[in-house]
Amino acid sequence: MYKKAILLLICLISASISFAQCVMCTKTAASLDDNSARGLNGGIIYLAFMPLAFMLIIGYKWWKQNKEIL
């Protein structure tokens, strides 16, 4: 139960942080043309992919290990 509460807390904190936007990025994206805005969005997705992939791998291994114990 303690592990589930910690996991839920981490998920809630990370979700609330992900909704914040940088004002400068928003203003920059609004002033760009279509191709540059796509490039900015692609760069953001590129930078976000690796941490999300690590979290998925760690979460899957944790789930797999706990599934074998039960």
C-alpha atoms as a PDB file:
ATOM      1  CA  MET A   1       0.000   0.000   0.000  1.00  0.00           C
ATOM      2  CA  TYR A   2       2.865   2.370   0.842  1.00  0.00           C
ATOM      3  CA  LYS A   3       4.457   1.846  -2.590  1.00  0.00           C
ATOM      4  CA  LYS A   4       1.180   2.573  -4.357  1.00  0.00           C
ATOM      5  CA  ALA A   5       0.720   5.798  -2.395  1.00  0.00           C
ATOM      6  CA  ILE A   6       4.255   6.937  -3.284  1.00  0.00           C
ATOM      7  CA  LEU A   7       3.695   6.084  -6.957  1.00  0.00           C
ATOM      8  CA  LEU A   8       0.405   7.985  -6.989  1.00  0.00           C
ATOM      9  CA  LEU A   9       2.064  10.999  -5.365  1.00  0.00           C
ATOM     10  CA  ILE A  10       4.873  10.978  -7.941  1.00  0.00           C
ATOM     11  CA  CYS A  11       2.360  10.735 -10.795  1.00  0.00           C
ATOM     12  CA  LEU A  12       0.296  13.622  -9.449  1.00  0.00           C
ATOM     13  CA  ILE A  13       3.335  15.841  -8.960  1.00  0.00           C
ATOM     14  CA  SER A  14       4.729  15.092 -12.410  1.00  0.00           C
ATOM     15  CA  ALA A  15       1.333  15.696 -14.026  1.00  0.00           C
ATOM     16  CA  SER A  16       0.929  19.078 -12.369  1.00  0.00           C
ATOM     17  CA  ILE A  17       4.451  20.107 -13.405  1.00  0.00           C
ATOM     18  CA  SER A  18       3.856  19.108 -17.019  1.00  0.00           C
ATOM     19  CA  PHE A  19       0.982  21.600 -17.393  1.00  0.00           C
ATOM     20  CA  ALA A  20       3.259  24.583 -16.780  1.00  0.00           C
ATOM     21  CA  GLN A  21       4.410  26.440 -19.876  1.00  0.00           C
ATOM     22  CA  CYS A  22       7.271  28.784 -20.367  1.00  0.00           C
ATOM     23  CA  VAL A  23       5.949  32.211 -21.339  1.00  0.00           C
ATOM     24  CA  MET A  24       8.914  32.865 -23.610  1.00  0.00           C
ATOM     25  CA  CYS A  25       8.365  29.598 -25.495  1.00  0.00           C
ATOM     26  CA  THR A  26       4.692  30.425 -25.988  1.00  0.00           C
ATOM     27  CA  LYS A  27       5.449  33.919 -27.310  1.00  0.00           C
ATOM     28  CA  THR A  28       8.237  32.608 -29.527  1.00  0.00           C
ATOM     29  CA  ALA A  29       6.023  29.887 -30.986  1.00  0.00           C
ATOM     30  CA  ALA A  30       3.256  32.410 -31.657  1.00  0.00           C
ATOM     31  CA  SER A  31       5.605  34.640 -33.650  1.00  0.00           C
ATOM     32  CA  LEU A  32       7.125  31.845 -35.776  1.00  0.00           C
ATOM     33  CA  ASP A  33       6.039  30.769 -39.210  1.00  0.00           C
ATOM     34  CA  ASP A  34       4.561  27.310 -39.793  1.00  0.00           C
ATOM     35  CA  ASN A  35       7.799  25.430 -40.541  1.00  0.00           C
ATOM     36  CA  SER A  36       9.683  26.925 -37.604  1.00  0.00           C
ATOM     37  CA  ALA A  37       6.803  26.178 -35.231  1.00  0.00           C
ATOM     38  CA  ARG A  38       6.820  22.539 -36.382  1.00  0.00           C
ATOM     39  CA  GLY A  39      10.567  22.428 -35.775  1.00  0.00           C
ATOM     40  CA  LEU A  40      10.121  23.813 -32.255  1.00  0.00           C
ATOM     41  CA  ASN A  41       7.403  21.265 -31.499  1.00  0.00           C
ATOM     42  CA  GLY A  42       9.545  18.462 -32.907  1.00  0.00           C
ATOM     43  CA  GLY A  43      12.463  19.554 -30.719  1.00  0.00           C
ATOM     44  CA  ILE A  44      10.268  19.555 -27.625  1.00  0.00           C
ATOM     45  CA  ILE A  45       9.037  16.047 -28.411  1.00  0.00           C
ATOM     46  CA  TYR A  46      12.616  14.916 -29.090  1.00  0.00           C
ATOM     47  CA  LEU A  47      13.795  16.235 -25.717  1.00  0.00           C
ATOM     48  CA  ALA A  48      10.819  14.727 -23.868  1.00  0.00           C
ATOM     49  CA  PHE A  49      11.152  11.275 -25.433  1.00  0.00           C
ATOM     50  CA  MET A  50      14.207  10.019 -23.542  1.00  0.00           C
ATOM     51  CA  PRO A  51      12.999  10.738 -19.974  1.00  0.00           C
ATOM     52  CA  LEU A  52       9.596   9.284 -20.810  1.00  0.00           C
ATOM     53  CA  ALA A  53      11.223   6.181 -22.292  1.00  0.00           C
ATOM     54  CA  PHE A  54      13.310   5.717 -19.131  1.00  0.00           C
ATOM     55  CA  MET A  55      10.212   6.078 -16.949  1.00  0.00           C
ATOM     56  CA  LEU A  56       8.360   3.503 -19.067  1.00  0.00           C
ATOM     57  CA  ILE A  57      11.242   1.026 -18.885  1.00  0.00           C
ATOM     58  CA  ILE A  58      11.642   1.428 -15.125  1.00  0.00           C
ATOM     59  CA  GLY A  59       7.879   1.214 -14.585  1.00  0.00           C
ATOM     60  CA  TYR A  60       7.591  -1.918 -16.711  1.00  0.00           C
ATOM     61  CA  LYS A  61      10.457  -3.637 -14.883  1.00  0.00           C
ATOM     62  CA  TRP A  62       8.980  -2.652 -11.532  1.00  0.00           C
ATOM     63  CA  TRP A  63       5.550  -3.951 -12.549  1.00  0.00           C
ATOM     64  CA  LYS A  64       7.058  -7.179 -13.905  1.00  0.00           C
ATOM     65  CA  GLN A  65       9.027  -7.750 -10.704  1.00  0.00           C
ATOM     66  CA  ASN A  66       6.018  -7.122  -8.453  1.00  0.00           C
ATOM     67  CA  LYS A  67       3.838  -9.347 -10.633  1.00  0.00           C
ATOM     68  CA  GLU A  68       6.256 -12.271 -10.164  1.00  0.00           C
ATOM     69  CA  ILE A  69       6.293 -11.819  -6.373  1.00  0.00           C
ATOM     70  CA  LEU A  70       2.529 -11.992  -6.089  1.00  0.00           C
END
